Amino acid sequence: MVYFDPSDYKHPIAFNMFENVSKELRPLVASGLIGIFKRMWADSWGPRLEYILRNAILTLLEIPDSTIMSIPLMLTNKSFRLKIVSKIEDPIIKRFWEQEFEALDQKQMTEAVSPILNKV
């Protein structure tokens, strides 16, 4: 038997929502995570933030050993992003990173990514 007490701050349990998610469940997990973030920051939520965050989450769900802490790297570190995108199988997600995200100039990218970085 394993006793799990989420209110025990002295002995926190790590839970990686990105770990071993089957291909069929990835959209459901991504929607669940988006829903959590959306409820937490409803006053500062927008469609572009959700679109980029959803693509980041769906991307990282495909990559072994990803965690929620991989999201900022995905959004801000081009060499990390290129390495990850090269491993992506989903053509829609791959197209997002290669054509849409990379087409943003530095100012647009900063404006698009900053609200996400403030929440993750």
C-alpha atoms as a PDB file:
ATOM      1  CA  MET A   1       0.000   0.000   0.000  1.00  0.00           C
ATOM      2  CA  VAL A   2       1.194   3.509  -0.822  1.00  0.00           C
ATOM      3  CA  TYR A   3      -0.045   6.424   1.237  1.00  0.00           C
ATOM      4  CA  PHE A   4      -0.217   9.682  -0.702  1.00  0.00           C
ATOM      5  CA  ASP A   5      -0.953  12.896   1.181  1.00  0.00           C
ATOM      6  CA  PRO A   6      -0.946  15.962  -1.106  1.00  0.00           C
ATOM      7  CA  SER A   7      -1.060  18.270   1.925  1.00  0.00           C
ATOM      8  CA  ASP A   8       2.270  16.922   3.256  1.00  0.00           C
ATOM      9  CA  TYR A   9       4.721  19.680   2.321  1.00  0.00           C
ATOM     10  CA  LYS A  10       7.616  17.971   4.097  1.00  0.00           C
ATOM     11  CA  HIS A  11       7.496  14.947   1.781  1.00  0.00           C
ATOM     12  CA  PRO A  12       6.159  16.076  -1.598  1.00  0.00           C
ATOM     13  CA  ILE A  13       5.518  13.496  -4.281  1.00  0.00           C
ATOM     14  CA  ALA A  14       6.754  14.182  -7.795  1.00  0.00           C
ATOM     15  CA  PHE A  15       4.223  13.548 -10.512  1.00  0.00           C
ATOM     16  CA  ASN A  16       5.228  13.906 -14.151  1.00  0.00           C
ATOM     17  CA  MET A  17       2.107  14.331 -16.274  1.00  0.00           C
ATOM     18  CA  PHE A  18       4.246  14.028 -19.415  1.00  0.00           C
ATOM     19  CA  GLU A  19       5.582  10.561 -18.608  1.00  0.00           C
ATOM     20  CA  ASN A  20       4.545   7.551 -20.718  1.00  0.00           C
ATOM     21  CA  VAL A  21       1.356   9.005 -22.185  1.00  0.00           C
ATOM     22  CA  SER A  22       0.025   6.808 -24.984  1.00  0.00           C
ATOM     23  CA  LYS A  23      -0.510   8.381 -28.392  1.00  0.00           C
ATOM     24  CA  GLU A  24      -4.285   8.024 -28.041  1.00  0.00           C
ATOM     25  CA  LEU A  25      -4.375   9.881 -24.713  1.00  0.00           C
ATOM     26  CA  ARG A  26      -2.070  12.790 -25.607  1.00  0.00           C
ATOM     27  CA  PRO A  27      -4.867  15.130 -26.778  1.00  0.00           C
ATOM     28  CA  LEU A  28      -6.842  14.371 -23.609  1.00  0.00           C
ATOM     29  CA  VAL A  29      -3.838  15.005 -21.339  1.00  0.00           C
ATOM     30  CA  ALA A  30      -3.020  18.225 -23.205  1.00  0.00           C
ATOM     31  CA  SER A  31      -6.631  19.418 -22.875  1.00  0.00           C
ATOM     32  CA  GLY A  32      -6.607  18.602 -19.168  1.00  0.00           C
ATOM     33  CA  LEU A  33      -3.413  20.560 -18.573  1.00  0.00           C
ATOM     34  CA  ILE A  34      -4.694  23.483 -20.647  1.00  0.00           C
ATOM     35  CA  GLY A  35      -7.911  23.416 -18.613  1.00  0.00           C
ATOM     36  CA  ILE A  36      -5.970  23.599 -15.344  1.00  0.00           C
ATOM     37  CA  PHE A  37      -3.882  26.546 -16.538  1.00  0.00           C
ATOM     38  CA  LYS A  38      -6.948  28.268 -17.974  1.00  0.00           C
ATOM     39  CA  ARG A  39      -8.818  28.051 -14.657  1.00  0.00           C
ATOM     40  CA  MET A  40      -5.805  29.344 -12.737  1.00  0.00           C
ATOM     41  CA  TRP A  41      -5.255  32.348 -15.011  1.00  0.00           C
ATOM     42  CA  ALA A  42      -8.702  32.962 -16.523  1.00  0.00           C
ATOM     43  CA  ASP A  43      -8.281  36.742 -16.329  1.00  0.00           C
ATOM     44  CA  SER A  44      -5.152  36.734 -18.468  1.00  0.00           C
ATOM     45  CA  TRP A  45      -5.945  33.901 -20.875  1.00  0.00           C
ATOM     46  CA  GLY A  46      -6.097  34.273 -24.626  1.00  0.00           C
ATOM     47  CA  PRO A  47      -6.444  32.153 -27.761  1.00  0.00           C
ATOM     48  CA  ARG A  48      -2.846  32.667 -28.928  1.00  0.00           C
ATOM     49  CA  LEU A  49      -1.467  31.689 -25.513  1.00  0.00           C
ATOM     50  CA  GLU A  50      -3.618  28.552 -25.553  1.00  0.00           C
ATOM     51  CA  TYR A  51      -2.668  27.659 -29.127  1.00  0.00           C
ATOM     52  CA  ILE A  52       1.073  27.898 -28.505  1.00  0.00           C
ATOM     53  CA  LEU A  53       0.903  26.188 -25.107  1.00  0.00           C
ATOM     54  CA  ARG A  54      -1.211  23.339 -26.533  1.00  0.00           C
ATOM     55  CA  ASN A  55       1.333  22.754 -29.300  1.00  0.00           C
ATOM     56  CA  ALA A  56       4.191  22.820 -26.791  1.00  0.00           C
ATOM     57  CA  ILE A  57       2.443  20.292 -24.540  1.00  0.00           C
ATOM     58  CA  LEU A  58       1.469  17.986 -27.421  1.00  0.00           C
ATOM     59  CA  THR A  59       5.044  18.155 -28.680  1.00  0.00           C
ATOM     60  CA  LEU A  60       6.610  17.293 -25.348  1.00  0.00           C
ATOM     61  CA  LEU A  61       4.162  14.451 -24.726  1.00  0.00           C
ATOM     62  CA  GLU A  62       5.825  12.719 -27.699  1.00  0.00           C
ATOM     63  CA  ILE A  63       9.320  13.079 -26.250  1.00  0.00           C
ATOM     64  CA  PRO A  64      10.547  10.698 -23.520  1.00  0.00           C
ATOM     65  CA  ASP A  65      11.777  12.292 -20.284  1.00  0.00           C
ATOM     66  CA  SER A  66       9.955  15.581 -20.903  1.00  0.00           C
ATOM     67  CA  THR A  67       8.461  17.451 -17.975  1.00  0.00           C
ATOM     68  CA  ILE A  68       6.477  20.628 -17.532  1.00  0.00           C
ATOM     69  CA  MET A  69       9.850  22.321 -17.066  1.00  0.00           C
ATOM     70  CA  SER A  70      10.619  21.523 -20.718  1.00  0.00           C
ATOM     71  CA  ILE A  71       7.978  24.029 -21.875  1.00  0.00           C
ATOM     72  CA  PRO A  72      10.110  27.161 -21.271  1.00  0.00           C
ATOM     73  CA  LEU A  73      13.046  25.505 -23.046  1.00  0.00           C
ATOM     74  CA  MET A  74      10.823  24.614 -25.981  1.00  0.00           C
ATOM     75  CA  LEU A  75       9.674  28.203 -26.300  1.00  0.00           C
ATOM     76  CA  THR A  76      12.957  30.044 -25.709  1.00  0.00           C
ATOM     77  CA  ASN A  77      15.864  27.806 -26.717  1.00  0.00           C
ATOM     78  CA  LYS A  78      16.056  27.401 -30.488  1.00  0.00           C
ATOM     79  CA  SER A  79      18.648  24.597 -30.481  1.00  0.00           C
ATOM     80  CA  PHE A  80      16.583  22.618 -27.952  1.00  0.00           C
ATOM     81  CA  ARG A  81      13.429  23.249 -30.008  1.00  0.00           C
ATOM     82  CA  LEU A  82      15.060  22.128 -33.272  1.00  0.00           C
ATOM     83  CA  LYS A  83      16.326  18.947 -31.624  1.00  0.00           C
ATOM     84  CA  ILE A  84      12.849  18.168 -30.272  1.00  0.00           C
ATOM     85  CA  VAL A  85      11.011  19.041 -33.495  1.00  0.00           C
ATOM     86  CA  SER A  86      13.280  16.696 -35.458  1.00  0.00           C
ATOM     87  CA  LYS A  87      11.866  13.831 -33.358  1.00  0.00           C
ATOM     88  CA  ILE A  88       8.180  14.750 -33.758  1.00  0.00           C
ATOM     89  CA  GLU A  89       6.023  12.333 -35.750  1.00  0.00           C
ATOM     90  CA  ASP A  90       2.772  14.322 -35.839  1.00  0.00           C
ATOM     91  CA  PRO A  91       2.869  16.351 -39.096  1.00  0.00           C
ATOM     92  CA  ILE A  92       0.476  19.035 -37.821  1.00  0.00           C
ATOM     93  CA  ILE A  93       2.559  19.743 -34.724  1.00  0.00           C
ATOM     94  CA  LYS A  94       5.771  19.605 -36.743  1.00  0.00           C
ATOM     95  CA  ARG A  95       4.333  22.118 -39.233  1.00  0.00           C
ATOM     96  CA  PHE A  96       3.359  24.457 -36.385  1.00  0.00           C
ATOM     97  CA  TRP A  97       6.969  24.678 -35.157  1.00  0.00           C
ATOM     98  CA  GLU A  98       8.667  24.726 -38.553  1.00  0.00           C
ATOM     99  CA  GLN A  99       6.329  27.116 -40.371  1.00  0.00           C
ATOM    100  CA  GLU A 100       4.260  29.124 -37.892  1.00  0.00           C
ATOM    101  CA  PHE A 101       6.456  29.506 -34.827  1.00  0.00           C
ATOM    102  CA  GLU A 102       9.734  29.977 -36.709  1.00  0.00           C
ATOM    103  CA  ALA A 103       8.069  32.601 -38.943  1.00  0.00           C
ATOM    104  CA  LEU A 104       7.591  34.921 -35.958  1.00  0.00           C
ATOM    105  CA  ASP A 105      10.098  37.740 -35.702  1.00  0.00           C
ATOM    106  CA  GLN A 106      11.825  38.326 -32.351  1.00  0.00           C
ATOM    107  CA  LYS A 107       9.273  40.896 -31.162  1.00  0.00           C
ATOM    108  CA  GLN A 108       6.296  38.698 -32.080  1.00  0.00           C
ATOM    109  CA  MET A 109       7.922  35.684 -30.459  1.00  0.00           C
ATOM    110  CA  THR A 110       8.575  37.593 -27.238  1.00  0.00           C
ATOM    111  CA  GLU A 111       4.983  38.861 -27.160  1.00  0.00           C
ATOM    112  CA  ALA A 112       3.617  35.372 -27.802  1.00  0.00           C
ATOM    113  CA  VAL A 113       5.866  33.500 -25.376  1.00  0.00           C
ATOM    114  CA  SER A 114       6.086  35.880 -22.396  1.00  0.00           C
ATOM    115  CA  PRO A 115       2.538  35.250 -21.098  1.00  0.00           C
ATOM    116  CA  ILE A 116       3.171  31.498 -21.194  1.00  0.00           C
ATOM    117  CA  LEU A 117       6.495  31.783 -19.382  1.00  0.00           C
ATOM    118  CA  ASN A 118       4.782  33.787 -16.637  1.00  0.00           C
ATOM    119  CA  LYS A 119       2.394  30.900 -16.032  1.00  0.00           C
ATOM    120  CA  VAL A 120       4.565  27.795 -16.331  1.00  0.00           C
END
